Amino acid sequence: MRSYRIVLIEVDPLMRELAQRWLEEAGHRVVRAAPTELDAAAGADLVMMDVASPRRAAERIGLLQARHAVPILLVSAGLRRSSEPSPALALQLGVAAVLPKPYTRGELLAAVSAALGSSA
């Protein structure tokens, strides 16, 4: 299995620790970043970005994509309430994949694989 460099932008400290542990156990290198640290995505294979509202995240997604050509895995607790994650929703939001919170280890790793797509 290939090891990827994943930038983790997660504001919840418990979810951040858990996601980092699961990703590292799967063999990935994880770099934690604050939501304002968009330059941390330089050289990353994937950015896992937590947002409060996926539909209101367009500006942050646009800024990140304008600076770095990197796939984005969008994570949000708002996805559970609004709609089920799907490739169509990811396409609509302009990201590689979406993942509702809370999630299991298996769901996280499947979403990472989906987001990496052709790179995996």
N, C-alpha and C. Protein backbone atom coordinates (compact mmCIF):
# COMPACT_ATOMS: atom_id res chain seq x y z
N MET A 1 0.83 -1.19 0.00
CA MET A 1 0.00 0.00 0.00
C MET A 1 0.88 1.25 0.00
N ARG A 2 0.53 2.18 -0.84
CA ARG A 2 1.30 3.42 -0.95
C ARG A 2 0.98 4.35 0.22
N SER A 3 1.98 5.04 0.69
CA SER A 3 1.82 6.02 1.76
C SER A 3 1.60 7.39 1.13
N TYR A 4 0.58 8.09 1.60
CA TYR A 4 0.25 9.41 1.10
C TYR A 4 0.48 10.46 2.17
N ARG A 5 0.77 11.68 1.72
CA ARG A 5 0.89 12.83 2.64
C ARG A 5 -0.48 13.50 2.68
N ILE A 6 -1.10 13.46 3.85
CA ILE A 6 -2.45 13.99 4.01
C ILE A 6 -2.41 15.17 4.98
N VAL A 7 -2.92 16.30 4.52
CA VAL A 7 -3.04 17.47 5.38
C VAL A 7 -4.42 17.40 6.02
N LEU A 8 -4.44 17.43 7.34
CA LEU A 8 -5.66 17.28 8.12
C LEU A 8 -6.04 18.63 8.72
N ILE A 9 -7.16 19.18 8.24
CA ILE A 9 -7.69 20.43 8.77
C ILE A 9 -8.97 20.07 9.50
N GLU A 10 -8.86 19.91 10.80
CA GLU A 10 -9.98 19.47 11.64
C GLU A 10 -9.98 20.31 12.91
N VAL A 11 -11.09 21.01 13.18
CA VAL A 11 -11.15 21.90 14.33
C VAL A 11 -11.47 21.18 15.64
N ASP A 12 -12.15 20.06 15.57
CA ASP A 12 -12.49 19.31 16.77
C ASP A 12 -11.27 18.51 17.23
N PRO A 13 -10.75 18.79 18.43
CA PRO A 13 -9.52 18.12 18.86
C PRO A 13 -9.63 16.61 18.97
N LEU A 14 -10.78 16.09 19.41
CA LEU A 14 -10.93 14.64 19.52
C LEU A 14 -10.99 13.97 18.15
N MET A 15 -11.75 14.56 17.23
CA MET A 15 -11.81 14.01 15.88
C MET A 15 -10.45 14.11 15.19
N ARG A 16 -9.73 15.20 15.45
CA ARG A 16 -8.40 15.38 14.85
C ARG A 16 -7.46 14.28 15.31
N GLU A 17 -7.45 14.01 16.60
CA GLU A 17 -6.58 12.96 17.14
C GLU A 17 -6.95 11.59 16.58
N LEU A 18 -8.24 11.31 16.53
CA LEU A 18 -8.71 10.02 16.05
C LEU A 18 -8.40 9.84 14.57
N ALA A 19 -8.70 10.85 13.76
CA ALA A 19 -8.43 10.76 12.32
C ALA A 19 -6.94 10.59 12.07
N GLN A 20 -6.13 11.36 12.79
CA GLN A 20 -4.69 11.25 12.61
C GLN A 20 -4.21 9.84 12.95
N ARG A 21 -4.68 9.30 14.06
CA ARG A 21 -4.26 7.96 14.47
C ARG A 21 -4.64 6.93 13.41
N TRP A 22 -5.89 6.98 12.94
CA TRP A 22 -6.35 6.01 11.95
C TRP A 22 -5.58 6.13 10.64
N LEU A 23 -5.33 7.35 10.21
CA LEU A 23 -4.59 7.55 8.96
C LEU A 23 -3.15 7.07 9.08
N GLU A 24 -2.51 7.36 10.21
CA GLU A 24 -1.13 6.92 10.42
C GLU A 24 -1.05 5.41 10.55
N GLU A 25 -2.02 4.79 11.22
CA GLU A 25 -2.06 3.33 11.32
C GLU A 25 -2.20 2.69 9.94
N ALA A 26 -2.83 3.40 9.02
CA ALA A 26 -2.99 2.91 7.65
C ALA A 26 -1.75 3.19 6.80
N GLY A 27 -0.73 3.82 7.41
CA GLY A 27 0.53 4.04 6.72
C GLY A 27 0.72 5.41 6.09
N HIS A 28 -0.21 6.32 6.33
CA HIS A 28 -0.11 7.66 5.74
C HIS A 28 0.67 8.60 6.64
N ARG A 29 1.24 9.64 6.04
CA ARG A 29 1.89 10.72 6.79
C ARG A 29 0.88 11.84 6.94
N VAL A 30 0.66 12.28 8.16
CA VAL A 30 -0.36 13.29 8.43
C VAL A 30 0.29 14.57 8.92
N VAL A 31 -0.13 15.67 8.31
CA VAL A 31 0.28 17.01 8.73
C VAL A 31 -0.97 17.73 9.18
N ARG A 32 -0.99 18.16 10.43
CA ARG A 32 -2.15 18.89 10.94
C ARG A 32 -1.99 20.37 10.63
N ALA A 33 -3.10 21.00 10.26
CA ALA A 33 -3.08 22.41 9.92
C ALA A 33 -4.35 23.09 10.41
N ALA A 34 -4.24 24.37 10.68
CA ALA A 34 -5.40 25.18 11.05
C ALA A 34 -6.15 25.54 9.77
N PRO A 35 -7.43 25.87 9.89
CA PRO A 35 -8.21 26.24 8.69
C PRO A 35 -7.62 27.39 7.88
N THR A 36 -6.85 28.24 8.51
CA THR A 36 -6.26 29.38 7.80
C THR A 36 -4.90 29.06 7.18
N GLU A 37 -4.35 27.91 7.45
CA GLU A 37 -3.03 27.53 6.96
C GLU A 37 -3.12 26.79 5.62
N LEU A 38 -3.57 27.49 4.59
CA LEU A 38 -3.75 26.87 3.29
C LEU A 38 -2.44 26.44 2.65
N ASP A 39 -1.34 27.11 2.99
CA ASP A 39 -0.05 26.74 2.39
C ASP A 39 0.47 25.41 2.91
N ALA A 40 -0.13 24.88 3.98
CA ALA A 40 0.27 23.56 4.47
C ALA A 40 -0.05 22.49 3.43
N ALA A 41 -0.94 22.80 2.49
CA ALA A 41 -1.33 21.83 1.46
C ALA A 41 -0.29 21.68 0.36
N ALA A 42 0.73 22.53 0.34
CA ALA A 42 1.77 22.42 -0.68
C ALA A 42 2.42 21.04 -0.59
N GLY A 43 2.45 20.33 -1.69
CA GLY A 43 3.08 19.02 -1.73
C GLY A 43 2.25 17.89 -1.16
N ALA A 44 1.03 18.18 -0.76
CA ALA A 44 0.17 17.14 -0.19
C ALA A 44 -0.45 16.30 -1.31
N ASP A 45 -0.77 15.06 -0.96
CA ASP A 45 -1.50 14.19 -1.87
C ASP A 45 -3.00 14.36 -1.70
N LEU A 46 -3.41 14.81 -0.50
CA LEU A 46 -4.82 14.96 -0.17
C LEU A 46 -4.97 15.95 0.97
N VAL A 47 -6.02 16.75 0.93
CA VAL A 47 -6.39 17.61 2.06
C VAL A 47 -7.72 17.11 2.58
N MET A 48 -7.75 16.79 3.86
CA MET A 48 -8.99 16.41 4.53
C MET A 48 -9.44 17.62 5.33
N MET A 49 -10.52 18.25 4.88
CA MET A 49 -10.93 19.54 5.44
C MET A 49 -12.31 19.44 6.08
N ASP A 50 -12.38 19.77 7.36
CA ASP A 50 -13.63 19.81 8.09
C ASP A 50 -14.27 21.18 7.89
N VAL A 51 -15.56 21.17 7.60
CA VAL A 51 -16.32 22.42 7.48
C VAL A 51 -17.63 22.26 8.23
N ALA A 52 -18.12 23.37 8.77
CA ALA A 52 -19.38 23.34 9.49
C ALA A 52 -20.55 23.10 8.54
N SER A 53 -20.51 23.76 7.40
CA SER A 53 -21.58 23.64 6.42
C SER A 53 -20.97 23.44 5.04
N PRO A 54 -21.14 22.27 4.44
CA PRO A 54 -20.54 22.02 3.13
C PRO A 54 -20.96 23.03 2.07
N ARG A 55 -22.20 23.44 2.09
CA ARG A 55 -22.68 24.36 1.06
C ARG A 55 -22.15 25.78 1.26
N ARG A 56 -21.71 26.10 2.44
CA ARG A 56 -21.14 27.42 2.71
C ARG A 56 -19.61 27.42 2.64
N ALA A 57 -19.04 26.31 2.27
CA ALA A 57 -17.58 26.17 2.25
C ALA A 57 -16.96 26.52 0.91
N ALA A 58 -17.76 26.99 -0.04
CA ALA A 58 -17.28 27.24 -1.40
C ALA A 58 -16.07 28.18 -1.43
N GLU A 59 -16.08 29.21 -0.61
CA GLU A 59 -14.97 30.16 -0.61
C GLU A 59 -13.67 29.49 -0.15
N ARG A 60 -13.73 28.74 0.94
CA ARG A 60 -12.54 28.05 1.44
C ARG A 60 -12.04 27.02 0.44
N ILE A 61 -12.97 26.28 -0.17
CA ILE A 61 -12.59 25.29 -1.18
C ILE A 61 -11.92 25.99 -2.36
N GLY A 62 -12.52 27.08 -2.81
CA GLY A 62 -11.96 27.84 -3.94
C GLY A 62 -10.58 28.38 -3.66
N LEU A 63 -10.37 28.93 -2.47
CA LEU A 63 -9.05 29.45 -2.10
C LEU A 63 -8.00 28.34 -2.10
N LEU A 64 -8.35 27.21 -1.52
CA LEU A 64 -7.42 26.08 -1.47
C LEU A 64 -7.10 25.58 -2.87
N GLN A 65 -8.10 25.42 -3.70
CA GLN A 65 -7.89 24.92 -5.06
C GLN A 65 -7.13 25.92 -5.92
N ALA A 66 -7.29 27.21 -5.66
CA ALA A 66 -6.57 28.22 -6.43
C ALA A 66 -5.07 28.19 -6.12
N ARG A 67 -4.74 27.80 -4.90
CA ARG A 67 -3.32 27.77 -4.49
C ARG A 67 -2.65 26.44 -4.76
N HIS A 68 -3.40 25.35 -4.67
CA HIS A 68 -2.81 24.02 -4.74
C HIS A 68 -3.70 23.07 -5.54
N ALA A 69 -3.11 22.35 -6.45
CA ALA A 69 -3.85 21.34 -7.21
C ALA A 69 -3.81 20.04 -6.41
N VAL A 70 -4.72 19.93 -5.45
CA VAL A 70 -4.74 18.78 -4.56
C VAL A 70 -6.18 18.35 -4.34
N PRO A 71 -6.44 17.04 -4.34
CA PRO A 71 -7.80 16.58 -4.06
C PRO A 71 -8.21 16.94 -2.62
N ILE A 72 -9.50 17.21 -2.45
CA ILE A 72 -10.03 17.57 -1.14
C ILE A 72 -11.07 16.55 -0.73
N LEU A 73 -10.92 16.04 0.49
CA LEU A 73 -11.92 15.21 1.13
C LEU A 73 -12.63 16.13 2.12
N LEU A 74 -13.87 16.47 1.83
CA LEU A 74 -14.63 17.39 2.67
C LEU A 74 -15.36 16.59 3.74
N VAL A 75 -15.17 16.97 5.00
CA VAL A 75 -15.76 16.28 6.15
C VAL A 75 -16.66 17.27 6.88
N SER A 76 -17.86 16.81 7.25
CA SER A 76 -18.77 17.72 7.93
C SER A 76 -19.86 16.98 8.68
N ALA A 77 -20.16 17.47 9.87
CA ALA A 77 -21.31 16.95 10.61
C ALA A 77 -22.60 17.40 9.92
N GLY A 78 -22.55 18.47 9.16
CA GLY A 78 -23.71 18.97 8.44
C GLY A 78 -24.20 18.04 7.35
N LEU A 79 -23.38 17.12 6.90
CA LEU A 79 -23.79 16.19 5.86
C LEU A 79 -24.85 15.21 6.35
N ARG A 80 -24.81 14.83 7.59
CA ARG A 80 -25.80 13.89 8.14
C ARG A 80 -27.19 14.51 8.09
N ARG A 81 -27.28 15.79 8.39
CA ARG A 81 -28.58 16.45 8.45
C ARG A 81 -29.10 16.85 7.07
N SER A 82 -28.22 17.17 6.16
CA SER A 82 -28.67 17.70 4.88
C SER A 82 -28.94 16.63 3.83
N SER A 83 -27.98 15.76 3.59
CA SER A 83 -28.15 14.74 2.55
C SER A 83 -27.09 13.67 2.70
N GLU A 84 -27.32 12.57 2.06
CA GLU A 84 -26.34 11.50 2.06
C GLU A 84 -25.19 11.86 1.14
N PRO A 85 -23.97 11.54 1.54
CA PRO A 85 -22.83 11.83 0.68
C PRO A 85 -22.89 10.99 -0.58
N SER A 86 -22.50 11.59 -1.67
CA SER A 86 -22.51 10.87 -2.93
C SER A 86 -21.51 11.50 -3.87
N PRO A 87 -21.13 10.76 -4.92
CA PRO A 87 -20.26 11.37 -5.93
C PRO A 87 -20.88 12.63 -6.53
N ALA A 88 -22.21 12.65 -6.67
CA ALA A 88 -22.87 13.83 -7.24
C ALA A 88 -22.71 15.03 -6.32
N LEU A 89 -22.82 14.83 -5.01
CA LEU A 89 -22.65 15.92 -4.06
C LEU A 89 -21.21 16.42 -4.09
N ALA A 90 -20.25 15.50 -4.13
CA ALA A 90 -18.85 15.89 -4.21
C ALA A 90 -18.59 16.72 -5.46
N LEU A 91 -19.15 16.29 -6.58
CA LEU A 91 -19.00 17.03 -7.83
C LEU A 91 -19.62 18.41 -7.73
N GLN A 92 -20.79 18.49 -7.15
CA GLN A 92 -21.47 19.76 -6.97
C GLN A 92 -20.66 20.71 -6.10
N LEU A 93 -20.00 20.18 -5.07
CA LEU A 93 -19.20 21.01 -4.16
C LEU A 93 -17.80 21.27 -4.70
N GLY A 94 -17.40 20.56 -5.74
CA GLY A 94 -16.08 20.76 -6.33
C GLY A 94 -14.96 20.09 -5.56
N VAL A 95 -15.27 18.99 -4.89
CA VAL A 95 -14.27 18.26 -4.12
C VAL A 95 -14.19 16.81 -4.62
N ALA A 96 -13.15 16.10 -4.20
CA ALA A 96 -12.96 14.72 -4.64
C ALA A 96 -13.92 13.75 -3.97
N ALA A 97 -14.25 14.00 -2.69
CA ALA A 97 -15.16 13.12 -1.94
C ALA A 97 -15.69 13.87 -0.73
N VAL A 98 -16.79 13.35 -0.19
CA VAL A 98 -17.37 13.91 1.03
C VAL A 98 -17.55 12.80 2.05
N LEU A 99 -17.48 13.18 3.33
CA LEU A 99 -17.61 12.21 4.41
C LEU A 99 -18.37 12.85 5.57
N PRO A 100 -19.52 12.28 5.95
CA PRO A 100 -20.26 12.83 7.09
C PRO A 100 -19.59 12.46 8.41
N LYS A 101 -19.74 13.33 9.39
CA LYS A 101 -19.26 13.07 10.75
C LYS A 101 -20.46 12.75 11.62
N PRO A 102 -20.29 11.87 12.58
CA PRO A 102 -19.09 11.09 12.86
C PRO A 102 -18.94 9.95 11.86
N TYR A 103 -17.73 9.43 11.78
CA TYR A 103 -17.44 8.36 10.83
C TYR A 103 -16.63 7.28 11.53
N THR A 104 -16.62 6.10 10.93
CA THR A 104 -15.84 4.99 11.45
C THR A 104 -14.48 4.97 10.77
N ARG A 105 -13.59 4.16 11.28
CA ARG A 105 -12.27 4.00 10.67
C ARG A 105 -12.41 3.52 9.22
N GLY A 106 -13.27 2.54 9.02
CA GLY A 106 -13.48 2.00 7.68
C GLY A 106 -14.04 3.05 6.72
N GLU A 107 -14.99 3.84 7.20
CA GLU A 107 -15.55 4.90 6.36
C GLU A 107 -14.50 5.94 6.00
N LEU A 108 -13.65 6.29 6.96
CA LEU A 108 -12.58 7.26 6.69
C LEU A 108 -11.63 6.74 5.64
N LEU A 109 -11.17 5.51 5.80
CA LEU A 109 -10.20 4.96 4.85
C LEU A 109 -10.81 4.77 3.47
N ALA A 110 -12.10 4.40 3.41
CA ALA A 110 -12.77 4.28 2.12
C ALA A 110 -12.90 5.65 1.44
N ALA A 111 -13.21 6.68 2.23
CA ALA A 111 -13.33 8.03 1.68
C ALA A 111 -11.98 8.55 1.20
N VAL A 112 -10.92 8.24 1.92
CA VAL A 112 -9.57 8.63 1.49
C VAL A 112 -9.25 7.97 0.15
N SER A 113 -9.54 6.68 0.05
CA SER A 113 -9.29 5.97 -1.22
C SER A 113 -10.11 6.57 -2.36
N ALA A 114 -11.38 6.88 -2.07
CA ALA A 114 -12.24 7.48 -3.10
C ALA A 114 -11.71 8.86 -3.51
N ALA A 115 -11.26 9.64 -2.54
CA ALA A 115 -10.77 10.98 -2.84
C ALA A 115 -9.47 10.94 -3.64
N LEU A 116 -8.64 9.95 -3.36
CA LEU A 116 -7.38 9.83 -4.09
C LEU A 116 -7.61 9.27 -5.49
N GLY A 117 -8.71 8.54 -5.66
CA GLY A 117 -9.12 8.04 -6.97
C GLY A 117 -8.00 7.44 -7.77
N SER A 118 -7.62 8.09 -8.84
CA SER A 118 -6.60 7.56 -9.75
C SER A 118 -5.22 7.52 -9.13
N SER A 119 -5.00 8.26 -8.05
CA SER A 119 -3.69 8.27 -7.39
C SER A 119 -3.49 7.05 -6.52
N ALA A 120 -4.61 6.44 -6.07
CA ALA A 120 -4.51 5.32 -5.13
C ALA A 120 -3.99 4.06 -5.74
